[in-house]
Amino acid sequence: MNPPPDHADEDFWVFGYGSLMWRPGFAFAERRPALLVGAHRALCVFSYVHRGTPDRPGLVLGLDQGGACRGIAFRVEAARRAETIAYLRAREQVTAVYREAIRSVWLDGTPENRVSALCYVVDRSHPQYAGRLTLEEQLHLVRQGHGQSGANRDYVLATVRALEALGCRDRDLHLLAERLKGVHEIRANP
């Protein structure tokens, strides 16, 4: 799904809630804190490529139904639309565990600044959907996970640092990070 084709000559927004926050990988004209309502960030996707393998899966984030999610919205110029969408599909859709969706996000967390943004929502019917796991299950998967993009542990810690830079604390993700690395070390590496 592309952002609406009737607006193909306009800039568009991409919502990042995990690694896109700290490593977007595409050119953008503007970067703003944003809030998406109706889905939450969850470590709910078994990673078989980027942060794990089929034999030793890692665990990555997905937007799962319900709640709200703070992240980053990136404005992409219309001239870069096709290349950006192609890049995101190659990165996010390797195993088709996400569905492309256009969702409303509030820039700077305020309803007056609402825009439509491309985001990647987990497909709950996909075999890589892990659902809700205990902290111990998450810890095991993250510790063992290592894929094409590196260690799963690094992914979790970098995401926590990006959230802290937004002034945001994700209780479950922070708890996992504290178990992966000493609390003092997380705060010492902004």
N, C-alpha and C. Protein backbone atom coordinates (compact mmCIF):
# COMPACT_ATOMS: atom_id res chain seq x y z
N MET A 1 0.85 -1.18 0.00
CA MET A 1 0.00 0.00 0.00
C MET A 1 0.89 1.24 0.00
N ASN A 2 0.71 2.11 -0.94
CA ASN A 2 1.40 3.39 -0.96
C ASN A 2 0.56 4.42 -0.24
N PRO A 3 1.19 5.49 0.22
CA PRO A 3 0.37 6.60 0.68
C PRO A 3 -0.57 6.99 -0.46
N PRO A 4 -1.73 7.52 -0.16
CA PRO A 4 -2.76 7.72 -1.18
C PRO A 4 -2.21 8.27 -2.50
N PRO A 5 -2.49 7.56 -3.63
CA PRO A 5 -1.93 7.96 -4.92
C PRO A 5 -2.41 9.33 -5.40
N ASP A 6 -3.58 9.77 -4.93
CA ASP A 6 -4.06 11.09 -5.35
C ASP A 6 -3.22 12.22 -4.77
N HIS A 7 -2.31 11.89 -3.86
CA HIS A 7 -1.42 12.89 -3.28
C HIS A 7 0.04 12.58 -3.60
N ALA A 8 0.29 11.88 -4.69
CA ALA A 8 1.64 11.42 -5.03
C ALA A 8 2.60 12.57 -5.27
N ASP A 9 2.09 13.75 -5.56
CA ASP A 9 2.96 14.89 -5.80
C ASP A 9 3.19 15.71 -4.53
N GLU A 10 2.75 15.19 -3.39
CA GLU A 10 2.92 15.88 -2.12
C GLU A 10 3.92 15.13 -1.24
N ASP A 11 4.51 15.86 -0.31
CA ASP A 11 5.36 15.21 0.69
C ASP A 11 4.51 14.22 1.48
N PHE A 12 5.16 13.25 2.10
CA PHE A 12 4.41 12.33 2.95
C PHE A 12 5.22 12.03 4.20
N TRP A 13 4.57 11.42 5.18
CA TRP A 13 5.17 11.15 6.48
C TRP A 13 5.35 9.65 6.69
N VAL A 14 6.40 9.30 7.41
CA VAL A 14 6.68 7.92 7.81
C VAL A 14 6.80 7.93 9.33
N PHE A 15 6.12 6.99 9.99
CA PHE A 15 6.17 6.90 11.45
C PHE A 15 7.14 5.81 11.87
N GLY A 16 8.13 6.16 12.69
CA GLY A 16 9.09 5.21 13.21
C GLY A 16 8.88 5.02 14.70
N TYR A 17 8.88 3.76 15.14
CA TYR A 17 8.66 3.45 16.55
C TYR A 17 9.73 2.51 17.12
N GLY A 18 10.63 2.01 16.26
CA GLY A 18 11.72 1.12 16.68
C GLY A 18 13.01 1.62 16.06
N SER A 19 13.64 0.76 15.27
CA SER A 19 14.94 1.14 14.70
C SER A 19 14.85 2.30 13.71
N LEU A 20 13.68 2.54 13.13
CA LEU A 20 13.55 3.70 12.25
C LEU A 20 13.79 5.00 13.02
N MET A 21 13.55 5.01 14.33
CA MET A 21 13.78 6.22 15.11
C MET A 21 15.26 6.58 15.13
N TRP A 22 16.13 5.60 15.27
CA TRP A 22 17.55 5.88 15.43
C TRP A 22 18.38 5.54 14.20
N ARG A 23 17.77 4.88 13.22
CA ARG A 23 18.48 4.58 11.96
C ARG A 23 17.47 4.55 10.83
N PRO A 24 16.96 5.73 10.44
CA PRO A 24 15.93 5.72 9.40
C PRO A 24 16.43 5.16 8.07
N GLY A 25 17.62 5.54 7.64
CA GLY A 25 18.17 4.99 6.41
C GLY A 25 17.65 5.60 5.13
N PHE A 26 16.83 6.63 5.24
CA PHE A 26 16.32 7.32 4.05
C PHE A 26 16.41 8.82 4.29
N ALA A 27 16.44 9.57 3.19
CA ALA A 27 16.52 11.03 3.29
C ALA A 27 15.17 11.59 3.72
N PHE A 28 15.20 12.56 4.61
CA PHE A 28 13.95 13.19 5.05
C PHE A 28 14.16 14.69 5.20
N ALA A 29 13.07 15.43 5.08
CA ALA A 29 13.14 16.88 5.15
C ALA A 29 12.90 17.40 6.56
N GLU A 30 12.23 16.58 7.37
CA GLU A 30 11.85 17.01 8.71
C GLU A 30 11.68 15.79 9.60
N ARG A 31 12.00 15.95 10.88
CA ARG A 31 11.88 14.88 11.87
C ARG A 31 11.20 15.46 13.08
N ARG A 32 10.05 14.85 13.49
CA ARG A 32 9.28 15.40 14.61
C ARG A 32 8.84 14.30 15.57
N PRO A 33 8.84 14.56 16.87
CA PRO A 33 8.23 13.62 17.81
C PRO A 33 6.76 13.46 17.43
N ALA A 34 6.22 12.25 17.57
CA ALA A 34 4.84 12.01 17.15
C ALA A 34 4.18 10.98 18.05
N LEU A 35 2.86 11.00 18.06
CA LEU A 35 2.07 10.06 18.83
C LEU A 35 1.07 9.40 17.90
N LEU A 36 1.05 8.07 17.92
CA LEU A 36 0.07 7.29 17.17
C LEU A 36 -0.88 6.68 18.19
N VAL A 37 -2.18 6.84 17.98
CA VAL A 37 -3.19 6.30 18.89
C VAL A 37 -3.86 5.12 18.20
N GLY A 38 -4.08 4.03 18.95
CA GLY A 38 -4.75 2.86 18.42
C GLY A 38 -3.84 1.66 18.26
N ALA A 39 -2.54 1.84 18.51
CA ALA A 39 -1.58 0.74 18.46
C ALA A 39 -0.45 1.06 19.44
N HIS A 40 0.20 0.02 19.93
CA HIS A 40 1.30 0.22 20.87
C HIS A 40 2.54 -0.53 20.38
N ARG A 41 3.70 -0.10 20.85
CA ARG A 41 4.98 -0.72 20.53
C ARG A 41 5.10 -1.98 21.39
N ALA A 42 5.45 -3.11 20.75
CA ALA A 42 5.61 -4.36 21.51
C ALA A 42 6.69 -5.22 20.87
N LEU A 43 7.48 -5.88 21.71
CA LEU A 43 8.44 -6.87 21.21
C LEU A 43 7.63 -8.14 20.93
N CYS A 44 7.07 -8.20 19.75
CA CYS A 44 6.10 -9.26 19.43
C CYS A 44 6.38 -9.95 18.11
N VAL A 45 7.57 -9.74 17.54
CA VAL A 45 7.90 -10.32 16.23
C VAL A 45 9.19 -11.13 16.34
N PHE A 46 9.11 -12.41 16.00
CA PHE A 46 10.32 -13.23 15.92
C PHE A 46 11.12 -12.74 14.72
N SER A 47 12.40 -12.45 14.93
CA SER A 47 13.26 -11.97 13.85
C SER A 47 14.09 -13.13 13.32
N TYR A 48 13.91 -13.41 12.02
CA TYR A 48 14.64 -14.49 11.35
C TYR A 48 15.73 -13.96 10.41
N VAL A 49 15.78 -12.63 10.22
CA VAL A 49 16.73 -12.05 9.28
C VAL A 49 17.60 -10.99 9.95
N HIS A 50 17.00 -9.85 10.34
CA HIS A 50 17.77 -8.71 10.83
C HIS A 50 18.42 -8.94 12.19
N ARG A 51 17.71 -9.56 13.13
CA ARG A 51 18.23 -9.70 14.50
C ARG A 51 18.20 -11.14 15.00
N GLY A 52 18.10 -12.09 14.08
CA GLY A 52 18.11 -13.50 14.44
C GLY A 52 18.10 -14.35 13.18
N THR A 53 17.94 -15.64 13.37
CA THR A 53 17.84 -16.59 12.26
C THR A 53 16.68 -17.53 12.56
N PRO A 54 16.23 -18.31 11.58
CA PRO A 54 15.15 -19.26 11.89
C PRO A 54 15.53 -20.25 13.01
N ASP A 55 16.80 -20.65 13.09
CA ASP A 55 17.25 -21.58 14.13
C ASP A 55 17.42 -20.91 15.49
N ARG A 56 17.80 -19.63 15.47
CA ARG A 56 18.01 -18.87 16.71
C ARG A 56 17.36 -17.50 16.55
N PRO A 57 16.02 -17.46 16.62
CA PRO A 57 15.32 -16.20 16.38
C PRO A 57 15.62 -15.14 17.43
N GLY A 58 15.62 -13.92 16.96
CA GLY A 58 15.66 -12.78 17.86
C GLY A 58 14.24 -12.27 18.03
N LEU A 59 14.11 -11.07 18.57
CA LEU A 59 12.80 -10.50 18.83
C LEU A 59 12.85 -9.01 18.51
N VAL A 60 11.96 -8.56 17.64
CA VAL A 60 11.92 -7.14 17.28
C VAL A 60 10.53 -6.57 17.52
N LEU A 61 10.46 -5.27 17.39
CA LEU A 61 9.24 -4.54 17.69
C LEU A 61 8.23 -4.58 16.55
N GLY A 62 6.99 -4.51 16.93
CA GLY A 62 5.90 -4.33 15.99
C GLY A 62 4.89 -3.38 16.61
N LEU A 63 4.11 -2.75 15.77
CA LEU A 63 2.96 -1.99 16.26
C LEU A 63 1.83 -2.99 16.39
N ASP A 64 1.35 -3.20 17.61
CA ASP A 64 0.28 -4.16 17.86
C ASP A 64 -0.97 -3.39 18.27
N GLN A 65 -2.11 -4.03 18.13
CA GLN A 65 -3.38 -3.34 18.32
C GLN A 65 -3.60 -2.84 19.75
N GLY A 66 -4.24 -1.68 19.82
CA GLY A 66 -4.61 -1.09 21.10
C GLY A 66 -3.55 -0.18 21.69
N GLY A 67 -4.00 0.80 22.45
CA GLY A 67 -3.09 1.69 23.16
C GLY A 67 -2.61 2.85 22.31
N ALA A 68 -1.40 3.30 22.62
CA ALA A 68 -0.79 4.43 21.92
C ALA A 68 0.72 4.23 21.88
N CYS A 69 1.36 4.92 20.95
CA CYS A 69 2.80 4.75 20.77
C CYS A 69 3.44 6.09 20.44
N ARG A 70 4.45 6.46 21.21
CA ARG A 70 5.25 7.63 20.90
C ARG A 70 6.41 7.20 20.03
N GLY A 71 6.72 8.02 19.04
CA GLY A 71 7.82 7.73 18.14
C GLY A 71 8.25 8.97 17.40
N ILE A 72 8.76 8.78 16.20
CA ILE A 72 9.24 9.88 15.37
C ILE A 72 8.52 9.83 14.03
N ALA A 73 8.07 10.99 13.57
CA ALA A 73 7.50 11.11 12.23
C ALA A 73 8.52 11.82 11.35
N PHE A 74 8.75 11.26 10.18
CA PHE A 74 9.70 11.83 9.23
C PHE A 74 8.92 12.32 8.01
N ARG A 75 9.13 13.58 7.64
CA ARG A 75 8.51 14.10 6.43
C ARG A 75 9.47 13.86 5.27
N VAL A 76 8.97 13.19 4.25
CA VAL A 76 9.75 12.85 3.06
C VAL A 76 9.22 13.68 1.90
N GLU A 77 10.13 14.30 1.17
CA GLU A 77 9.72 15.11 0.02
C GLU A 77 9.13 14.23 -1.07
N ALA A 78 8.16 14.79 -1.78
CA ALA A 78 7.46 14.05 -2.84
C ALA A 78 8.42 13.45 -3.85
N ALA A 79 9.48 14.17 -4.18
CA ALA A 79 10.45 13.69 -5.17
C ALA A 79 11.17 12.41 -4.71
N ARG A 80 11.17 12.15 -3.42
CA ARG A 80 11.85 10.96 -2.87
C ARG A 80 10.86 9.85 -2.49
N ARG A 81 9.61 10.03 -2.82
CA ARG A 81 8.56 9.10 -2.44
C ARG A 81 8.84 7.67 -2.90
N ALA A 82 9.05 7.45 -4.17
CA ALA A 82 9.22 6.10 -4.72
C ALA A 82 10.45 5.42 -4.13
N GLU A 83 11.58 6.13 -4.07
CA GLU A 83 12.79 5.51 -3.55
C GLU A 83 12.66 5.20 -2.06
N THR A 84 11.97 6.06 -1.31
CA THR A 84 11.79 5.83 0.13
C THR A 84 10.90 4.63 0.38
N ILE A 85 9.80 4.54 -0.34
CA ILE A 85 8.89 3.40 -0.17
C ILE A 85 9.59 2.11 -0.58
N ALA A 86 10.34 2.14 -1.67
CA ALA A 86 11.09 0.94 -2.10
C ALA A 86 12.09 0.53 -1.02
N TYR A 87 12.80 1.49 -0.44
CA TYR A 87 13.76 1.20 0.61
C TYR A 87 13.05 0.58 1.83
N LEU A 88 11.95 1.20 2.26
CA LEU A 88 11.23 0.71 3.44
C LEU A 88 10.69 -0.70 3.21
N ARG A 89 10.19 -0.97 2.02
CA ARG A 89 9.69 -2.31 1.74
C ARG A 89 10.82 -3.34 1.77
N ALA A 90 11.96 -2.99 1.23
CA ALA A 90 13.10 -3.92 1.24
C ALA A 90 13.56 -4.17 2.68
N ARG A 91 13.48 -3.18 3.52
CA ARG A 91 13.94 -3.29 4.91
C ARG A 91 12.90 -3.95 5.81
N GLU A 92 11.66 -3.49 5.72
CA GLU A 92 10.63 -3.91 6.66
C GLU A 92 9.83 -5.14 6.21
N GLN A 93 9.82 -5.41 4.93
CA GLN A 93 8.94 -6.46 4.42
C GLN A 93 9.71 -7.71 3.95
N VAL A 94 10.88 -7.95 4.50
CA VAL A 94 11.70 -9.09 4.10
C VAL A 94 10.90 -10.39 4.20
N THR A 95 10.14 -10.55 5.28
CA THR A 95 9.34 -11.77 5.46
C THR A 95 7.84 -11.47 5.50
N ALA A 96 7.45 -10.25 5.17
CA ALA A 96 6.04 -9.82 5.11
C ALA A 96 5.31 -9.98 6.45
N VAL A 97 6.02 -9.77 7.56
CA VAL A 97 5.40 -9.88 8.88
C VAL A 97 4.63 -8.60 9.25
N TYR A 98 4.86 -7.52 8.50
CA TYR A 98 4.17 -6.26 8.74
C TYR A 98 3.20 -5.96 7.61
N ARG A 99 2.17 -5.20 7.95
CA ARG A 99 1.26 -4.66 6.94
C ARG A 99 1.54 -3.16 6.83
N GLU A 100 1.65 -2.68 5.60
CA GLU A 100 1.77 -1.23 5.42
C GLU A 100 0.41 -0.62 5.71
N ALA A 101 0.41 0.46 6.46
CA ALA A 101 -0.84 1.11 6.81
C ALA A 101 -0.63 2.62 6.84
N ILE A 102 -1.68 3.33 6.56
CA ILE A 102 -1.68 4.79 6.71
C ILE A 102 -2.48 5.07 7.97
N ARG A 103 -1.83 5.69 8.94
CA ARG A 103 -2.47 6.00 10.22
C ARG A 103 -2.27 7.47 10.54
N SER A 104 -3.19 8.01 11.31
CA SER A 104 -3.04 9.38 11.80
C SER A 104 -2.04 9.41 12.93
N VAL A 105 -1.14 10.36 12.88
CA VAL A 105 -0.22 10.60 13.99
C VAL A 105 -0.29 12.07 14.35
N TRP A 106 -0.06 12.35 15.60
CA TRP A 106 -0.07 13.71 16.09
C TRP A 106 1.36 14.17 16.25
N LEU A 107 1.77 15.14 15.44
CA LEU A 107 3.12 15.69 15.55
C LEU A 107 3.24 16.43 16.88
N ASP A 108 4.36 16.26 17.54
CA ASP A 108 4.61 16.87 18.84
C ASP A 108 3.55 16.47 19.86
N GLY A 109 2.80 15.39 19.58
CA GLY A 109 1.81 14.88 20.51
C GLY A 109 0.55 15.71 20.64
N THR A 110 0.33 16.65 19.72
CA THR A 110 -0.85 17.52 19.83
C THR A 110 -1.85 17.24 18.71
N PRO A 111 -3.12 17.08 19.05
CA PRO A 111 -4.15 16.75 18.05
C PRO A 111 -4.28 17.79 16.93
N GLU A 112 -3.91 19.03 17.21
CA GLU A 112 -4.01 20.07 16.18
C GLU A 112 -3.02 19.83 15.04
N ASN A 113 -1.96 19.09 15.30
CA ASN A 113 -0.92 18.83 14.30
C ASN A 113 -1.02 17.39 13.78
N ARG A 114 -2.19 16.99 13.35
CA ARG A 114 -2.40 15.62 12.89
C ARG A 114 -2.05 15.49 11.41
N VAL A 115 -1.29 14.42 11.09
CA VAL A 115 -0.95 14.10 9.70
C VAL A 115 -1.16 12.61 9.49
N SER A 116 -1.28 12.21 8.25
CA SER A 116 -1.34 10.79 7.91
C SER A 116 0.07 10.30 7.66
N ALA A 117 0.41 9.14 8.20
CA ALA A 117 1.77 8.63 8.07
C ALA A 117 1.76 7.16 7.68
N LEU A 118 2.74 6.79 6.88
CA LEU A 118 2.97 5.39 6.53
C LEU A 118 3.61 4.72 7.75
N CYS A 119 3.06 3.58 8.15
CA CYS A 119 3.67 2.85 9.26
C CYS A 119 3.53 1.35 9.01
N TYR A 120 4.29 0.60 9.76
CA TYR A 120 4.32 -0.85 9.59
C TYR A 120 3.73 -1.49 10.84
N VAL A 121 2.57 -2.13 10.66
CA VAL A 121 1.80 -2.74 11.73
C VAL A 121 1.97 -4.25 11.64
N VAL A 122 2.17 -4.91 12.77
CA VAL A 122 2.38 -6.35 12.77
C VAL A 122 1.13 -7.09 12.26
N ASP A 123 1.37 -8.12 11.48
CA ASP A 123 0.29 -8.99 11.00
C ASP A 123 0.15 -10.13 12.00
N ARG A 124 -0.89 -10.10 12.82
CA ARG A 124 -1.07 -11.09 13.88
C ARG A 124 -1.27 -12.51 13.35
N SER A 125 -1.60 -12.65 12.07
CA SER A 125 -1.79 -13.99 11.51
C SER A 125 -0.49 -14.58 10.94
N HIS A 126 0.57 -13.81 10.93
CA HIS A 126 1.86 -14.26 10.38
C HIS A 126 2.54 -15.21 11.37
N PRO A 127 3.21 -16.26 10.88
CA PRO A 127 3.90 -17.20 11.78
C PRO A 127 4.97 -16.56 12.67
N GLN A 128 5.49 -15.40 12.28
CA GLN A 128 6.51 -14.73 13.09
C GLN A 128 5.92 -13.87 14.20
N TYR A 129 4.60 -13.79 14.25
CA TYR A 129 3.97 -13.03 15.34
C TYR A 129 4.14 -13.81 16.63
N ALA A 130 4.85 -13.23 17.59
CA ALA A 130 5.16 -13.92 18.85
C ALA A 130 4.10 -13.69 19.91
N GLY A 131 3.27 -12.67 19.74
CA GLY A 131 2.30 -12.36 20.78
C GLY A 131 2.98 -11.79 22.02
N ARG A 132 2.28 -11.90 23.13
CA ARG A 132 2.81 -11.37 24.39
C ARG A 132 3.67 -12.44 25.06
N LEU A 133 4.94 -12.12 25.27
CA LEU A 133 5.88 -13.04 25.89
C LEU A 133 6.25 -12.54 27.28
N THR A 134 6.66 -13.45 28.15
CA THR A 134 7.12 -13.05 29.48
C THR A 134 8.48 -12.35 29.34
N LEU A 135 8.88 -11.66 30.38
CA LEU A 135 10.18 -11.00 30.38
C LEU A 135 11.29 -12.03 30.19
N GLU A 136 11.18 -13.18 30.83
CA GLU A 136 12.21 -14.21 30.69
C GLU A 136 12.29 -14.74 29.26
N GLU A 137 11.15 -14.93 28.61
CA GLU A 137 11.15 -15.38 27.21
C GLU A 137 11.78 -14.33 26.31
N GLN A 138 11.44 -13.06 26.53
CA GLN A 138 12.03 -11.98 25.76
C GLN A 138 13.54 -11.93 25.96
N LEU A 139 13.95 -12.03 27.20
CA LEU A 139 15.37 -11.97 27.54
C LEU A 139 16.15 -13.07 26.83
N HIS A 140 15.62 -14.28 26.84
CA HIS A 140 16.27 -15.41 26.17
C HIS A 140 16.43 -15.14 24.68
N LEU A 141 15.35 -14.73 24.03
CA LEU A 141 15.38 -14.50 22.58
C LEU A 141 16.33 -13.36 22.21
N VAL A 142 16.28 -12.27 22.97
CA VAL A 142 17.14 -11.12 22.68
C VAL A 142 18.61 -11.46 22.91
N ARG A 143 18.89 -12.20 23.95
CA ARG A 143 20.29 -12.57 24.21
C ARG A 143 20.84 -13.48 23.12
N GLN A 144 20.02 -14.38 22.59
CA GLN A 144 20.52 -15.32 21.57
C GLN A 144 20.51 -14.72 20.17
N GLY A 145 19.67 -13.71 19.94
CA GLY A 145 19.45 -13.20 18.59
C GLY A 145 20.62 -12.44 18.00
N HIS A 146 20.99 -12.82 16.80
CA HIS A 146 22.01 -12.10 16.03
C HIS A 146 21.74 -12.39 14.57
N GLY A 147 21.55 -11.33 13.78
CA GLY A 147 21.22 -11.50 12.37
C GLY A 147 22.01 -10.56 11.49
N GLN A 148 21.50 -10.35 10.28
CA GLN A 148 22.20 -9.52 9.29
C GLN A 148 22.46 -8.10 9.78
N SER A 149 21.60 -7.56 10.63
CA SER A 149 21.77 -6.19 11.12
C SER A 149 22.49 -6.13 12.46
N GLY A 150 22.93 -7.29 12.98
CA GLY A 150 23.70 -7.29 14.21
C GLY A 150 23.00 -7.97 15.37
N ALA A 151 23.52 -7.69 16.56
CA ALA A 151 23.02 -8.32 17.78
C ALA A 151 21.67 -7.75 18.18
N ASN A 152 20.78 -8.63 18.59
CA ASN A 152 19.45 -8.23 19.04
C ASN A 152 19.54 -7.31 20.26
N ARG A 153 20.48 -7.60 21.13
CA ARG A 153 20.70 -6.79 22.33
C ARG A 153 20.96 -5.32 21.97
N ASP A 154 21.78 -5.10 20.94
CA ASP A 154 22.10 -3.73 20.51
C ASP A 154 20.85 -3.01 20.01
N TYR A 155 19.99 -3.73 19.31
CA TYR A 155 18.72 -3.18 18.80
C TYR A 155 17.85 -2.68 19.97
N VAL A 156 17.71 -3.50 21.00
CA VAL A 156 16.88 -3.11 22.15
C VAL A 156 17.48 -1.90 22.85
N LEU A 157 18.78 -1.93 23.11
CA LEU A 157 19.42 -0.82 23.83
C LEU A 157 19.39 0.48 23.03
N ALA A 158 19.59 0.41 21.72
CA ALA A 158 19.53 1.62 20.88
C ALA A 158 18.12 2.19 20.86
N THR A 159 17.12 1.32 20.85
CA THR A 159 15.72 1.79 20.87
C THR A 159 15.41 2.48 22.19
N VAL A 160 15.88 1.92 23.29
CA VAL A 160 15.67 2.53 24.60
C VAL A 160 16.34 3.91 24.65
N ARG A 161 17.54 4.02 24.12
CA ARG A 161 18.21 5.33 24.10
C ARG A 161 17.42 6.34 23.25
N ALA A 162 16.87 5.90 22.13
CA ALA A 162 16.07 6.80 21.28
C ALA A 162 14.81 7.24 22.03
N LEU A 163 14.19 6.34 22.76
CA LEU A 163 13.01 6.70 23.54
C LEU A 163 13.36 7.70 24.64
N GLU A 164 14.48 7.47 25.29
CA GLU A 164 14.91 8.39 26.34
C GLU A 164 15.20 9.77 25.78
N ALA A 165 15.74 9.83 24.57
CA ALA A 165 16.00 11.13 23.92
C ALA A 165 14.69 11.87 23.65
N LEU A 166 13.59 11.12 23.49
CA LEU A 166 12.26 11.72 23.31
C LEU A 166 11.61 12.09 24.65
N GLY A 167 12.29 11.71 25.75
CA GLY A 167 11.69 11.92 27.06
C GLY A 167 10.62 10.89 27.37
N CYS A 168 10.74 9.73 26.77
CA CYS A 168 9.73 8.68 26.88
C CYS A 168 10.32 7.46 27.59
N ARG A 169 9.52 6.85 28.41
CA ARG A 169 9.92 5.60 29.06
C ARG A 169 8.87 4.55 28.73
N ASP A 170 9.32 3.48 28.08
CA ASP A 170 8.46 2.34 27.76
C ASP A 170 8.77 1.30 28.83
N ARG A 171 7.87 1.13 29.77
CA ARG A 171 8.12 0.31 30.96
C ARG A 171 8.68 -1.07 30.62
N ASP A 172 8.01 -1.80 29.73
CA ASP A 172 8.44 -3.16 29.41
C ASP A 172 9.81 -3.19 28.72
N LEU A 173 10.01 -2.28 27.78
CA LEU A 173 11.28 -2.25 27.05
C LEU A 173 12.42 -1.82 27.96
N HIS A 174 12.16 -0.86 28.83
CA HIS A 174 13.19 -0.42 29.77
C HIS A 174 13.54 -1.52 30.77
N LEU A 175 12.55 -2.25 31.23
CA LEU A 175 12.81 -3.35 32.15
C LEU A 175 13.69 -4.41 31.48
N LEU A 176 13.39 -4.73 30.23
CA LEU A 176 14.22 -5.68 29.49
C LEU A 176 15.64 -5.14 29.33
N ALA A 177 15.77 -3.87 28.98
CA ALA A 177 17.09 -3.27 28.79
C ALA A 177 17.90 -3.31 30.09
N GLU A 178 17.23 -3.06 31.20
CA GLU A 178 17.92 -3.10 32.49
C GLU A 178 18.46 -4.49 32.79
N ARG A 179 17.74 -5.51 32.35
CA ARG A 179 18.21 -6.89 32.55
C ARG A 179 19.35 -7.23 31.59
N LEU A 180 19.34 -6.63 30.39
CA LEU A 180 20.38 -6.89 29.40
C LEU A 180 21.68 -6.19 29.75
N LYS A 181 21.55 -5.06 30.40
CA LYS A 181 22.71 -4.22 30.68
C LYS A 181 22.44 -3.51 31.99
N GLY A 182 23.44 -3.24 32.76
CA GLY A 182 23.25 -2.56 34.04
C GLY A 182 22.54 -1.23 33.87
N VAL A 183 21.67 -0.88 34.81
CA VAL A 183 20.90 0.36 34.76
C VAL A 183 21.81 1.57 34.56
N HIS A 184 22.96 1.60 35.24
CA HIS A 184 23.86 2.75 35.14
C HIS A 184 24.43 2.89 33.74
N GLU A 185 24.72 1.77 33.08
CA GLU A 185 25.30 1.82 31.75
C GLU A 185 24.30 2.37 30.73
N ILE A 186 23.02 2.06 30.89
CA ILE A 186 21.99 2.57 29.96
C ILE A 186 21.96 4.09 30.04
N ARG A 187 21.93 4.60 31.26
CA ARG A 187 21.83 6.05 31.44
C ARG A 187 23.13 6.76 31.06
N ALA A 188 24.24 6.07 31.11
CA ALA A 188 25.53 6.68 30.78
C ALA A 188 25.77 6.76 29.27
N ASN A 189 24.99 6.03 28.48
CA ASN A 189 25.15 6.04 27.02
C ASN A 189 23.92 6.62 26.35
N PRO A 190 23.77 7.94 26.34
CA PRO A 190 22.55 8.55 25.78
C PRO A 190 22.36 8.31 24.32
